[in-house]
Every structure is written in structure tokens, then in C-alpha cells.
Amino acid sequence: MRHVATFTREWLRAPLRTASVVPSSSSLARAMVEGLDLQDAAVLELGPGTGAFTEHLVSMPAGPSRIYAIESNPAFADLMRTRFATVETFTVDACRMRSLLPCSPRSVKAVLCGLPLLSMRLSSVHRIMKSAFELIQDDGEFRCFTYGPRCPIPFAVHERLLIESTRVRFCPANFPPASVYRVFRA
């Protein structure tokens, strides 16, 4: 329950940055990794918050061998380090991830994004997506979710980076209801 209290406190401090009143549900966490083969793979989480997706990843029987987390909120980053000692958590803005992550290009199987992309500047979303796709393996993918009616990555970013997206799941049990998108190279 400590992580729920931390989440609520951080939402009250910066609602647009936190983007939800409560952490993501376990049903959304399952939907975010559904169909991904993550056995012995490296996974990157952007904006893990209190670790709803991380909790699911570390409990997978055939899960990732390495998990990196990029969290700009110091309170959430500290909580991640406390809850998940095996996860390499970096306290930095996702726009600067490439300069800090100890992984080589095309070495990450999946990127799970919990960032509030809809409330970010276009230039920031572009930079984050560009960096993410520099890290993602050819057969890997980027997963994100939104509370809105369409993919939270602007069409201009799709065009510039030659990526495509498709909705893979609607999660009505999440609060608020969310849709999961799979983003991949065109």
C-alpha cells in the first residue's frame, strides 16, 4: 500500500506529469506484455512509476534477464529501487536515456512505456521514440498505453521514424480504462 500512497502524493504534486490518480492495474500490466517473448531478454521501462509493470515482469516464470527503468520522479525512482533491487533504475528524464543506459544499440527486446505521452511536447516524444528504437532489436517492439481514443504517439513521429502502431488490447478494468498499443518498425 505504500506505493499507492506514494503515487497519490506524486499525482497531487504534479497531475499532468503523473497522468493518473492511481497506479496501473495488473490487467493493464498483463496486456502490456501479452504476446511478447521476453525470456532471457533485456527490457526497458520508461516511466515505471510505482512498478505495476515491473512487478509483472519480475514475476514472469520465463521473464527478462535484465530490466532497466528510466524514472524522472525521484520519489518513484527511490520506490523502484526499494521494491525491485534487481532492476537497474536511473533517475533521469527519458529524453536523456541514451546517454546513461549501459546497453548497446538494438539490444533491448521490448520497451514498455508508462510516460504521459499525450501531455508531452512533440519534440520530446520524437526524441524518446528515436532513442527507444535505437535500442530495440529488429524483432522487438515498443508498447504504450493511453486513456484516449488513439495511439498517443503523434502521426508526425510515426512518419519521421518510419514506425507503425496498432491497438492490441482494451483494458476496461483499468482505472481509467486504457488501450494498449504495439509500436514497431514499418
N, C-alpha and C. Protein backbone atom coordinates (compact mmCIF):
# COMPACT_ATOMS: atom_id res chain seq x y z
N MET A 1 0.81 -1.21 0.00
CA MET A 1 0.00 0.00 0.00
C MET A 1 0.85 1.26 0.00
N ARG A 2 2.11 1.13 0.43
CA ARG A 2 2.98 2.30 0.46
C ARG A 2 3.12 2.89 -0.94
N HIS A 3 3.20 2.03 -1.95
CA HIS A 3 3.38 2.55 -3.31
C HIS A 3 2.13 3.28 -3.81
N VAL A 4 0.95 2.87 -3.37
CA VAL A 4 -0.28 3.59 -3.75
C VAL A 4 -0.30 4.98 -3.12
N ALA A 5 0.11 5.06 -1.86
CA ALA A 5 0.17 6.36 -1.18
C ALA A 5 1.20 7.27 -1.85
N THR A 6 2.34 6.71 -2.23
CA THR A 6 3.36 7.50 -2.94
C THR A 6 2.81 8.00 -4.26
N PHE A 7 2.11 7.13 -4.97
CA PHE A 7 1.55 7.51 -6.26
C PHE A 7 0.55 8.66 -6.10
N THR A 8 -0.34 8.55 -5.14
CA THR A 8 -1.35 9.58 -4.91
C THR A 8 -0.69 10.91 -4.55
N ARG A 9 0.30 10.87 -3.67
CA ARG A 9 1.01 12.09 -3.27
C ARG A 9 1.68 12.75 -4.47
N GLU A 10 2.32 11.95 -5.33
CA GLU A 10 3.00 12.49 -6.50
C GLU A 10 2.00 13.03 -7.52
N TRP A 11 0.84 12.39 -7.63
CA TRP A 11 -0.20 12.91 -8.53
C TRP A 11 -0.69 14.27 -8.04
N LEU A 12 -0.87 14.41 -6.75
CA LEU A 12 -1.31 15.69 -6.20
C LEU A 12 -0.27 16.80 -6.44
N ARG A 13 1.00 16.44 -6.41
CA ARG A 13 2.07 17.41 -6.67
C ARG A 13 2.14 17.83 -8.13
N ALA A 14 1.96 16.87 -9.04
CA ALA A 14 2.11 17.15 -10.47
C ALA A 14 1.17 16.26 -11.27
N PRO A 15 -0.11 16.61 -11.37
CA PRO A 15 -1.08 15.74 -12.04
C PRO A 15 -0.79 15.48 -13.52
N LEU A 16 -0.32 16.46 -14.27
CA LEU A 16 -0.04 16.23 -15.69
C LEU A 16 1.16 15.32 -15.89
N ARG A 17 2.12 15.41 -15.00
CA ARG A 17 3.30 14.56 -15.10
C ARG A 17 3.00 13.13 -14.70
N THR A 18 2.12 12.97 -13.71
CA THR A 18 1.77 11.64 -13.23
C THR A 18 0.67 11.02 -14.08
N ALA A 19 -0.26 11.83 -14.56
CA ALA A 19 -1.26 11.48 -15.56
C ALA A 19 -2.39 10.54 -15.12
N SER A 20 -2.34 10.00 -13.93
CA SER A 20 -3.44 9.17 -13.44
C SER A 20 -3.52 9.32 -11.92
N VAL A 21 -4.69 9.10 -11.39
CA VAL A 21 -4.90 9.23 -9.95
C VAL A 21 -4.39 7.99 -9.22
N VAL A 22 -4.42 6.85 -9.91
CA VAL A 22 -4.00 5.59 -9.30
C VAL A 22 -3.00 4.88 -10.22
N PRO A 23 -2.18 3.99 -9.65
CA PRO A 23 -1.24 3.22 -10.48
C PRO A 23 -1.98 2.31 -11.47
N SER A 24 -1.28 1.90 -12.49
CA SER A 24 -1.86 0.97 -13.48
C SER A 24 -2.24 -0.34 -12.81
N SER A 25 -3.27 -0.97 -13.35
CA SER A 25 -3.78 -2.23 -12.78
C SER A 25 -2.95 -3.42 -13.26
N SER A 26 -3.15 -4.55 -12.59
CA SER A 26 -2.46 -5.78 -13.01
C SER A 26 -2.98 -6.24 -14.37
N SER A 27 -4.24 -5.96 -14.70
CA SER A 27 -4.75 -6.35 -16.02
C SER A 27 -4.07 -5.53 -17.12
N LEU A 28 -3.79 -4.26 -16.86
CA LEU A 28 -3.06 -3.45 -17.84
C LEU A 28 -1.62 -3.94 -17.95
N ALA A 29 -1.01 -4.30 -16.83
CA ALA A 29 0.37 -4.83 -16.85
C ALA A 29 0.44 -6.11 -17.70
N ARG A 30 -0.53 -7.00 -17.54
CA ARG A 30 -0.57 -8.23 -18.34
C ARG A 30 -0.73 -7.90 -19.82
N ALA A 31 -1.61 -6.97 -20.13
CA ALA A 31 -1.85 -6.59 -21.53
C ALA A 31 -0.60 -5.97 -22.16
N MET A 32 0.18 -5.27 -21.37
CA MET A 32 1.39 -4.62 -21.90
C MET A 32 2.44 -5.63 -22.36
N VAL A 33 2.45 -6.82 -21.79
CA VAL A 33 3.46 -7.82 -22.18
C VAL A 33 2.88 -9.00 -22.94
N GLU A 34 1.57 -9.01 -23.11
CA GLU A 34 0.90 -10.12 -23.79
C GLU A 34 1.51 -10.35 -25.18
N GLY A 35 1.88 -11.59 -25.44
CA GLY A 35 2.41 -11.95 -26.76
C GLY A 35 3.89 -11.66 -26.96
N LEU A 36 4.55 -11.08 -25.97
CA LEU A 36 5.98 -10.80 -26.09
C LEU A 36 6.78 -11.98 -25.54
N ASP A 37 7.79 -12.42 -26.27
CA ASP A 37 8.70 -13.44 -25.77
C ASP A 37 9.86 -12.71 -25.10
N LEU A 38 9.84 -12.67 -23.79
CA LEU A 38 10.84 -11.91 -23.05
C LEU A 38 11.86 -12.78 -22.33
N GLN A 39 11.80 -14.09 -22.57
CA GLN A 39 12.72 -14.99 -21.88
C GLN A 39 14.17 -14.62 -22.21
N ASP A 40 14.94 -14.41 -21.16
CA ASP A 40 16.37 -14.07 -21.26
C ASP A 40 16.62 -12.81 -22.09
N ALA A 41 15.67 -11.91 -22.12
CA ALA A 41 15.80 -10.67 -22.91
C ALA A 41 16.01 -9.48 -21.99
N ALA A 42 16.50 -8.40 -22.58
CA ALA A 42 16.59 -7.13 -21.87
C ALA A 42 15.32 -6.33 -22.17
N VAL A 43 14.76 -5.71 -21.14
CA VAL A 43 13.55 -4.91 -21.26
C VAL A 43 13.82 -3.55 -20.65
N LEU A 44 13.28 -2.52 -21.29
CA LEU A 44 13.41 -1.17 -20.79
C LEU A 44 12.02 -0.64 -20.44
N GLU A 45 11.90 -0.09 -19.24
CA GLU A 45 10.65 0.56 -18.84
C GLU A 45 10.87 2.05 -18.78
N LEU A 46 9.99 2.79 -19.41
CA LEU A 46 10.03 4.25 -19.37
C LEU A 46 8.89 4.73 -18.49
N GLY A 47 9.21 5.45 -17.44
CA GLY A 47 8.18 5.94 -16.53
C GLY A 47 7.48 4.82 -15.79
N PRO A 48 8.23 3.98 -15.07
CA PRO A 48 7.58 2.86 -14.37
C PRO A 48 6.74 3.26 -13.17
N GLY A 49 6.86 4.51 -12.73
CA GLY A 49 6.06 4.94 -11.58
C GLY A 49 6.36 4.10 -10.36
N THR A 50 5.33 3.45 -9.82
CA THR A 50 5.50 2.63 -8.63
C THR A 50 5.82 1.17 -8.96
N GLY A 51 5.87 0.83 -10.24
CA GLY A 51 6.31 -0.50 -10.64
C GLY A 51 5.23 -1.51 -10.95
N ALA A 52 4.07 -1.08 -11.41
CA ALA A 52 2.99 -2.03 -11.75
C ALA A 52 3.43 -3.00 -12.85
N PHE A 53 4.08 -2.49 -13.88
CA PHE A 53 4.55 -3.36 -14.97
C PHE A 53 5.76 -4.16 -14.51
N THR A 54 6.63 -3.52 -13.73
CA THR A 54 7.85 -4.16 -13.22
C THR A 54 7.48 -5.39 -12.39
N GLU A 55 6.49 -5.22 -11.53
CA GLU A 55 6.04 -6.34 -10.69
C GLU A 55 5.64 -7.53 -11.54
N HIS A 56 4.94 -7.25 -12.62
CA HIS A 56 4.52 -8.32 -13.53
C HIS A 56 5.75 -8.95 -14.21
N LEU A 57 6.68 -8.12 -14.67
CA LEU A 57 7.88 -8.62 -15.35
C LEU A 57 8.72 -9.52 -14.45
N VAL A 58 8.98 -9.10 -13.21
CA VAL A 58 9.84 -9.89 -12.33
C VAL A 58 9.18 -11.19 -11.87
N SER A 59 7.85 -11.26 -11.95
CA SER A 59 7.17 -12.48 -11.52
C SER A 59 6.92 -13.47 -12.67
N MET A 60 7.29 -13.09 -13.89
CA MET A 60 7.10 -13.99 -15.04
C MET A 60 8.02 -15.21 -14.90
N PRO A 61 7.49 -16.43 -15.10
CA PRO A 61 8.33 -17.62 -14.99
C PRO A 61 9.47 -17.62 -16.02
N ALA A 62 9.20 -17.20 -17.23
CA ALA A 62 10.23 -17.13 -18.27
C ALA A 62 10.38 -15.66 -18.67
N GLY A 63 10.81 -14.88 -17.70
CA GLY A 63 10.87 -13.44 -17.91
C GLY A 63 12.21 -12.93 -18.37
N PRO A 64 12.33 -11.62 -18.38
CA PRO A 64 13.56 -10.98 -18.86
C PRO A 64 14.75 -11.27 -17.95
N SER A 65 15.92 -11.27 -18.56
CA SER A 65 17.15 -11.47 -17.80
C SER A 65 17.63 -10.16 -17.21
N ARG A 66 17.23 -9.05 -17.81
CA ARG A 66 17.65 -7.74 -17.35
C ARG A 66 16.53 -6.73 -17.58
N ILE A 67 16.29 -5.90 -16.56
CA ILE A 67 15.28 -4.85 -16.67
C ILE A 67 15.93 -3.52 -16.31
N TYR A 68 15.77 -2.57 -17.22
CA TYR A 68 16.23 -1.20 -16.98
C TYR A 68 14.98 -0.34 -16.80
N ALA A 69 15.07 0.64 -15.91
CA ALA A 69 13.95 1.54 -15.69
C ALA A 69 14.45 2.98 -15.71
N ILE A 70 13.74 3.81 -16.46
CA ILE A 70 14.03 5.24 -16.54
C ILE A 70 12.88 5.97 -15.87
N GLU A 71 13.16 6.61 -14.75
CA GLU A 71 12.12 7.32 -14.00
C GLU A 71 12.63 8.69 -13.59
N SER A 72 11.97 9.74 -14.05
CA SER A 72 12.42 11.11 -13.75
C SER A 72 12.01 11.59 -12.37
N ASN A 73 10.97 10.98 -11.79
CA ASN A 73 10.49 11.39 -10.48
C ASN A 73 11.34 10.71 -9.39
N PRO A 74 12.09 11.49 -8.61
CA PRO A 74 12.96 10.88 -7.58
C PRO A 74 12.22 10.00 -6.57
N ALA A 75 11.00 10.38 -6.19
CA ALA A 75 10.24 9.57 -5.24
C ALA A 75 9.90 8.20 -5.84
N PHE A 76 9.46 8.19 -7.09
CA PHE A 76 9.17 6.92 -7.76
C PHE A 76 10.44 6.10 -7.98
N ALA A 77 11.53 6.76 -8.35
CA ALA A 77 12.80 6.05 -8.58
C ALA A 77 13.28 5.39 -7.29
N ASP A 78 13.19 6.10 -6.17
CA ASP A 78 13.59 5.52 -4.87
C ASP A 78 12.70 4.33 -4.52
N LEU A 79 11.40 4.46 -4.77
CA LEU A 79 10.48 3.36 -4.50
C LEU A 79 10.82 2.15 -5.38
N MET A 80 11.14 2.39 -6.64
CA MET A 80 11.53 1.29 -7.54
C MET A 80 12.76 0.57 -7.00
N ARG A 81 13.75 1.32 -6.56
CA ARG A 81 14.97 0.71 -6.02
C ARG A 81 14.69 -0.11 -4.77
N THR A 82 13.77 0.36 -3.95
CA THR A 82 13.40 -0.36 -2.74
C THR A 82 12.62 -1.63 -3.07
N ARG A 83 11.67 -1.54 -3.98
CA ARG A 83 10.81 -2.69 -4.32
C ARG A 83 11.50 -3.72 -5.20
N PHE A 84 12.38 -3.27 -6.09
CA PHE A 84 12.96 -4.16 -7.10
C PHE A 84 14.47 -3.97 -7.17
N ALA A 85 15.19 -4.62 -6.29
CA ALA A 85 16.65 -4.46 -6.20
C ALA A 85 17.37 -4.93 -7.47
N THR A 86 16.78 -5.86 -8.21
CA THR A 86 17.45 -6.39 -9.41
C THR A 86 17.25 -5.51 -10.64
N VAL A 87 16.36 -4.54 -10.55
CA VAL A 87 16.09 -3.64 -11.68
C VAL A 87 17.07 -2.47 -11.62
N GLU A 88 17.73 -2.19 -12.73
CA GLU A 88 18.63 -1.04 -12.80
C GLU A 88 17.79 0.20 -13.07
N THR A 89 17.61 1.02 -12.04
CA THR A 89 16.76 2.20 -12.13
C THR A 89 17.61 3.45 -12.24
N PHE A 90 17.30 4.28 -13.23
CA PHE A 90 18.00 5.53 -13.48
C PHE A 90 17.05 6.69 -13.26
N THR A 91 17.47 7.65 -12.47
CA THR A 91 16.65 8.84 -12.21
C THR A 91 17.06 9.90 -13.22
N VAL A 92 16.33 9.93 -14.33
CA VAL A 92 16.65 10.86 -15.42
C VAL A 92 15.42 11.02 -16.30
N ASP A 93 15.34 12.14 -16.98
CA ASP A 93 14.29 12.36 -17.96
C ASP A 93 14.50 11.38 -19.12
N ALA A 94 13.43 10.80 -19.62
CA ALA A 94 13.54 9.81 -20.70
C ALA A 94 14.19 10.38 -21.96
N CYS A 95 14.13 11.69 -22.14
CA CYS A 95 14.79 12.32 -23.30
C CYS A 95 16.30 12.14 -23.26
N ARG A 96 16.84 11.86 -22.07
CA ARG A 96 18.29 11.72 -21.92
C ARG A 96 18.72 10.28 -21.71
N MET A 97 17.86 9.33 -21.95
CA MET A 97 18.16 7.94 -21.62
C MET A 97 19.36 7.36 -22.35
N ARG A 98 19.54 7.71 -23.61
CA ARG A 98 20.62 7.10 -24.40
C ARG A 98 22.00 7.42 -23.84
N SER A 99 22.14 8.57 -23.20
CA SER A 99 23.45 8.94 -22.67
C SER A 99 23.79 8.18 -21.38
N LEU A 100 22.81 7.55 -20.75
CA LEU A 100 23.06 6.90 -19.46
C LEU A 100 22.92 5.38 -19.46
N LEU A 101 22.11 4.86 -20.33
CA LEU A 101 21.85 3.41 -20.30
C LEU A 101 23.08 2.61 -20.72
N PRO A 102 23.38 1.57 -19.97
CA PRO A 102 24.54 0.74 -20.29
C PRO A 102 24.21 -0.36 -21.29
N CYS A 103 23.42 -0.05 -22.31
CA CYS A 103 23.09 -1.06 -23.32
C CYS A 103 23.45 -0.55 -24.70
N SER A 104 23.79 -1.49 -25.53
CA SER A 104 24.20 -1.14 -26.89
C SER A 104 22.98 -1.04 -27.81
N PRO A 105 23.17 -0.43 -28.97
CA PRO A 105 22.06 -0.34 -29.93
C PRO A 105 21.49 -1.72 -30.27
N ARG A 106 20.20 -1.77 -30.42
CA ARG A 106 19.45 -2.98 -30.81
C ARG A 106 19.68 -4.15 -29.86
N SER A 107 19.76 -3.84 -28.56
CA SER A 107 19.99 -4.88 -27.57
C SER A 107 18.79 -5.13 -26.65
N VAL A 108 17.73 -4.36 -26.82
CA VAL A 108 16.55 -4.47 -25.96
C VAL A 108 15.41 -5.11 -26.74
N LYS A 109 14.79 -6.09 -26.15
CA LYS A 109 13.69 -6.80 -26.82
C LYS A 109 12.40 -5.99 -26.82
N ALA A 110 12.14 -5.29 -25.71
CA ALA A 110 10.90 -4.53 -25.62
C ALA A 110 11.10 -3.29 -24.76
N VAL A 111 10.35 -2.26 -25.11
CA VAL A 111 10.27 -1.05 -24.29
C VAL A 111 8.82 -0.92 -23.86
N LEU A 112 8.61 -0.84 -22.55
CA LEU A 112 7.27 -0.65 -22.00
C LEU A 112 7.18 0.78 -21.51
N CYS A 113 6.26 1.52 -22.05
CA CYS A 113 6.20 2.95 -21.77
C CYS A 113 4.99 3.32 -20.92
N GLY A 114 5.27 3.92 -19.77
CA GLY A 114 4.23 4.43 -18.90
C GLY A 114 4.24 5.94 -18.85
N LEU A 115 4.93 6.57 -19.79
CA LEU A 115 5.03 8.03 -19.81
C LEU A 115 3.73 8.66 -20.30
N PRO A 116 3.40 9.84 -19.81
CA PRO A 116 2.20 10.56 -20.27
C PRO A 116 2.48 11.24 -21.62
N LEU A 117 2.59 10.47 -22.67
CA LEU A 117 3.00 10.98 -23.99
C LEU A 117 2.07 12.08 -24.51
N LEU A 118 0.78 11.98 -24.19
CA LEU A 118 -0.17 12.98 -24.69
C LEU A 118 0.05 14.37 -24.10
N SER A 119 0.66 14.44 -22.95
CA SER A 119 0.89 15.75 -22.32
C SER A 119 2.31 16.26 -22.54
N MET A 120 3.06 15.59 -23.41
CA MET A 120 4.45 15.98 -23.67
C MET A 120 4.56 16.75 -24.99
N ARG A 121 5.60 17.56 -25.09
CA ARG A 121 5.86 18.29 -26.34
C ARG A 121 6.23 17.29 -27.44
N LEU A 122 5.88 17.64 -28.67
CA LEU A 122 6.18 16.80 -29.83
C LEU A 122 7.67 16.49 -29.91
N SER A 123 8.51 17.48 -29.69
CA SER A 123 9.96 17.27 -29.78
C SER A 123 10.44 16.26 -28.75
N SER A 124 9.84 16.26 -27.56
CA SER A 124 10.21 15.29 -26.53
C SER A 124 9.78 13.88 -26.91
N VAL A 125 8.56 13.75 -27.40
CA VAL A 125 8.07 12.43 -27.83
C VAL A 125 8.94 11.90 -28.95
N HIS A 126 9.29 12.76 -29.90
CA HIS A 126 10.15 12.34 -31.00
C HIS A 126 11.50 11.84 -30.49
N ARG A 127 12.10 12.58 -29.59
CA ARG A 127 13.41 12.21 -29.06
C ARG A 127 13.36 10.89 -28.30
N ILE A 128 12.32 10.71 -27.49
CA ILE A 128 12.15 9.47 -26.73
C ILE A 128 11.97 8.29 -27.67
N MET A 129 11.09 8.44 -28.66
CA MET A 129 10.85 7.35 -29.60
C MET A 129 12.09 7.02 -30.43
N LYS A 130 12.80 8.03 -30.86
CA LYS A 130 14.03 7.82 -31.63
C LYS A 130 15.04 7.02 -30.80
N SER A 131 15.24 7.44 -29.56
CA SER A 131 16.16 6.72 -28.67
C SER A 131 15.70 5.30 -28.41
N ALA A 132 14.41 5.13 -28.18
CA ALA A 132 13.88 3.79 -27.91
C ALA A 132 14.12 2.86 -29.10
N PHE A 133 13.85 3.36 -30.31
CA PHE A 133 14.03 2.50 -31.48
C PHE A 133 15.49 2.28 -31.85
N GLU A 134 16.38 3.10 -31.34
CA GLU A 134 17.81 2.81 -31.49
C GLU A 134 18.20 1.62 -30.62
N LEU A 135 17.49 1.43 -29.52
CA LEU A 135 17.80 0.34 -28.59
C LEU A 135 17.07 -0.96 -28.90
N ILE A 136 15.90 -0.87 -29.52
CA ILE A 136 15.06 -2.05 -29.75
C ILE A 136 15.63 -2.93 -30.87
N GLN A 137 15.65 -4.23 -30.61
CA GLN A 137 16.08 -5.21 -31.60
C GLN A 137 15.16 -5.15 -32.82
N ASP A 138 15.63 -5.68 -33.93
CA ASP A 138 14.82 -5.67 -35.16
C ASP A 138 13.46 -6.32 -34.96
N ASP A 139 13.41 -7.40 -34.19
CA ASP A 139 12.14 -8.10 -33.97
C ASP A 139 11.47 -7.68 -32.66
N GLY A 140 11.98 -6.63 -32.03
CA GLY A 140 11.41 -6.14 -30.79
C GLY A 140 10.33 -5.10 -31.04
N GLU A 141 9.77 -4.60 -29.96
CA GLU A 141 8.72 -3.60 -30.12
C GLU A 141 8.59 -2.69 -28.90
N PHE A 142 7.87 -1.62 -29.12
CA PHE A 142 7.57 -0.61 -28.12
C PHE A 142 6.11 -0.79 -27.75
N ARG A 143 5.79 -0.81 -26.47
CA ARG A 143 4.41 -0.90 -26.02
C ARG A 143 4.08 0.33 -25.18
N CYS A 144 2.93 0.90 -25.42
CA CYS A 144 2.47 2.04 -24.63
C CYS A 144 0.98 1.91 -24.42
N PHE A 145 0.45 2.72 -23.53
CA PHE A 145 -0.99 2.72 -23.30
C PHE A 145 -1.48 4.15 -23.25
N THR A 146 -2.77 4.28 -23.41
CA THR A 146 -3.39 5.60 -23.37
C THR A 146 -4.81 5.49 -22.85
N TYR A 147 -5.28 6.58 -22.30
CA TYR A 147 -6.68 6.66 -21.89
C TYR A 147 -7.51 7.30 -23.00
N GLY A 148 -6.85 7.74 -24.03
CA GLY A 148 -7.51 8.42 -25.15
C GLY A 148 -7.99 7.45 -26.22
N PRO A 149 -8.58 7.99 -27.30
CA PRO A 149 -9.18 7.15 -28.34
C PRO A 149 -8.20 6.63 -29.40
N ARG A 150 -6.94 7.12 -29.42
CA ARG A 150 -5.99 6.65 -30.44
C ARG A 150 -4.59 6.61 -29.87
N CYS A 151 -3.68 6.08 -30.64
CA CYS A 151 -2.28 5.94 -30.21
C CYS A 151 -1.75 7.30 -29.73
N PRO A 152 -1.06 7.32 -28.59
CA PRO A 152 -0.58 8.59 -28.05
C PRO A 152 0.66 9.15 -28.75
N ILE A 153 1.20 8.40 -29.69
CA ILE A 153 2.37 8.87 -30.44
C ILE A 153 1.86 9.61 -31.67
N PRO A 154 2.19 10.89 -31.80
CA PRO A 154 1.68 11.68 -32.92
C PRO A 154 2.05 11.10 -34.29
N PHE A 155 1.18 11.33 -35.25
CA PHE A 155 1.40 10.85 -36.61
C PHE A 155 2.72 11.35 -37.18
N ALA A 156 3.08 12.59 -36.86
CA ALA A 156 4.34 13.17 -37.36
C ALA A 156 5.54 12.34 -36.90
N VAL A 157 5.50 11.81 -35.70
CA VAL A 157 6.59 10.97 -35.19
C VAL A 157 6.59 9.63 -35.91
N HIS A 158 5.40 9.08 -36.15
CA HIS A 158 5.31 7.84 -36.93
C HIS A 158 6.01 8.02 -38.28
N GLU A 159 5.68 9.12 -38.96
CA GLU A 159 6.23 9.37 -40.29
C GLU A 159 7.75 9.55 -40.27
N ARG A 160 8.23 10.38 -39.34
CA ARG A 160 9.67 10.67 -39.28
C ARG A 160 10.51 9.45 -38.96
N LEU A 161 10.00 8.60 -38.08
CA LEU A 161 10.78 7.45 -37.64
C LEU A 161 10.44 6.16 -38.38
N LEU A 162 9.51 6.24 -39.31
CA LEU A 162 9.09 5.07 -40.09
C LEU A 162 8.63 3.93 -39.17
N ILE A 163 7.71 4.28 -38.28
CA ILE A 163 7.13 3.29 -37.37
C ILE A 163 5.63 3.21 -37.60
N GLU A 164 5.07 2.10 -37.18
CA GLU A 164 3.63 1.88 -37.27
C GLU A 164 3.12 1.47 -35.89
N SER A 165 1.82 1.60 -35.70
CA SER A 165 1.25 1.19 -34.42
C SER A 165 -0.11 0.54 -34.65
N THR A 166 -0.45 -0.33 -33.73
CA THR A 166 -1.74 -0.98 -33.77
C THR A 166 -2.21 -1.22 -32.34
N ARG A 167 -3.50 -1.06 -32.12
CA ARG A 167 -4.05 -1.33 -30.79
C ARG A 167 -4.14 -2.83 -30.60
N VAL A 168 -3.61 -3.30 -29.47
CA VAL A 168 -3.62 -4.74 -29.22
C VAL A 168 -4.59 -5.16 -28.13
N ARG A 169 -4.99 -4.20 -27.28
CA ARG A 169 -5.90 -4.59 -26.21
C ARG A 169 -6.59 -3.38 -25.61
N PHE A 170 -7.84 -3.55 -25.26
CA PHE A 170 -8.57 -2.56 -24.49
C PHE A 170 -8.73 -3.13 -23.09
N CYS A 171 -8.44 -2.35 -22.07
CA CYS A 171 -8.49 -2.80 -20.67
C CYS A 171 -9.55 -2.00 -19.90
N PRO A 172 -10.81 -2.42 -19.97
CA PRO A 172 -11.87 -1.68 -19.28
C PRO A 172 -11.76 -1.77 -17.76
N ALA A 173 -11.08 -2.80 -17.24
CA ALA A 173 -10.95 -2.97 -15.79
C ALA A 173 -9.93 -2.00 -15.19
N ASN A 174 -9.08 -1.43 -16.01
CA ASN A 174 -8.13 -0.44 -15.50
C ASN A 174 -8.89 0.84 -15.17
N PHE A 175 -8.37 1.63 -14.21
CA PHE A 175 -8.98 2.92 -13.94
C PHE A 175 -7.96 4.01 -14.20
N PRO A 176 -8.26 4.91 -15.13
CA PRO A 176 -9.38 4.84 -16.08
C PRO A 176 -9.12 3.76 -17.13
N PRO A 177 -10.17 3.35 -17.86
CA PRO A 177 -9.98 2.35 -18.92
C PRO A 177 -8.88 2.80 -19.89
N ALA A 178 -8.10 1.82 -20.34
CA ALA A 178 -6.94 2.14 -21.18
C ALA A 178 -6.85 1.20 -22.37
N SER A 179 -6.19 1.68 -23.42
CA SER A 179 -5.88 0.86 -24.59
C SER A 179 -4.38 0.71 -24.70
N VAL A 180 -3.94 -0.50 -25.05
CA VAL A 180 -2.52 -0.80 -25.23
C VAL A 180 -2.20 -0.80 -26.71
N TYR A 181 -1.10 -0.16 -27.06
CA TYR A 181 -0.64 -0.09 -28.45
C TYR A 181 0.72 -0.75 -28.61
N ARG A 182 0.85 -1.45 -29.69
CA ARG A 182 2.10 -2.06 -30.11
C ARG A 182 2.67 -1.15 -31.19
N VAL A 183 3.92 -0.73 -31.03
CA VAL A 183 4.57 0.15 -32.00
C VAL A 183 5.81 -0.58 -32.51
N PHE A 184 6.00 -0.58 -33.82
CA PHE A 184 7.06 -1.38 -34.42
C PHE A 184 7.57 -0.69 -35.68
N ARG A 185 8.73 -1.14 -36.16
CA ARG A 185 9.29 -0.58 -37.38
C ARG A 185 8.42 -0.92 -38.57
N ALA A 186 8.25 0.03 -39.47
CA ALA A 186 7.42 -0.19 -40.65
C ALA A 186 8.12 -1.13 -41.60
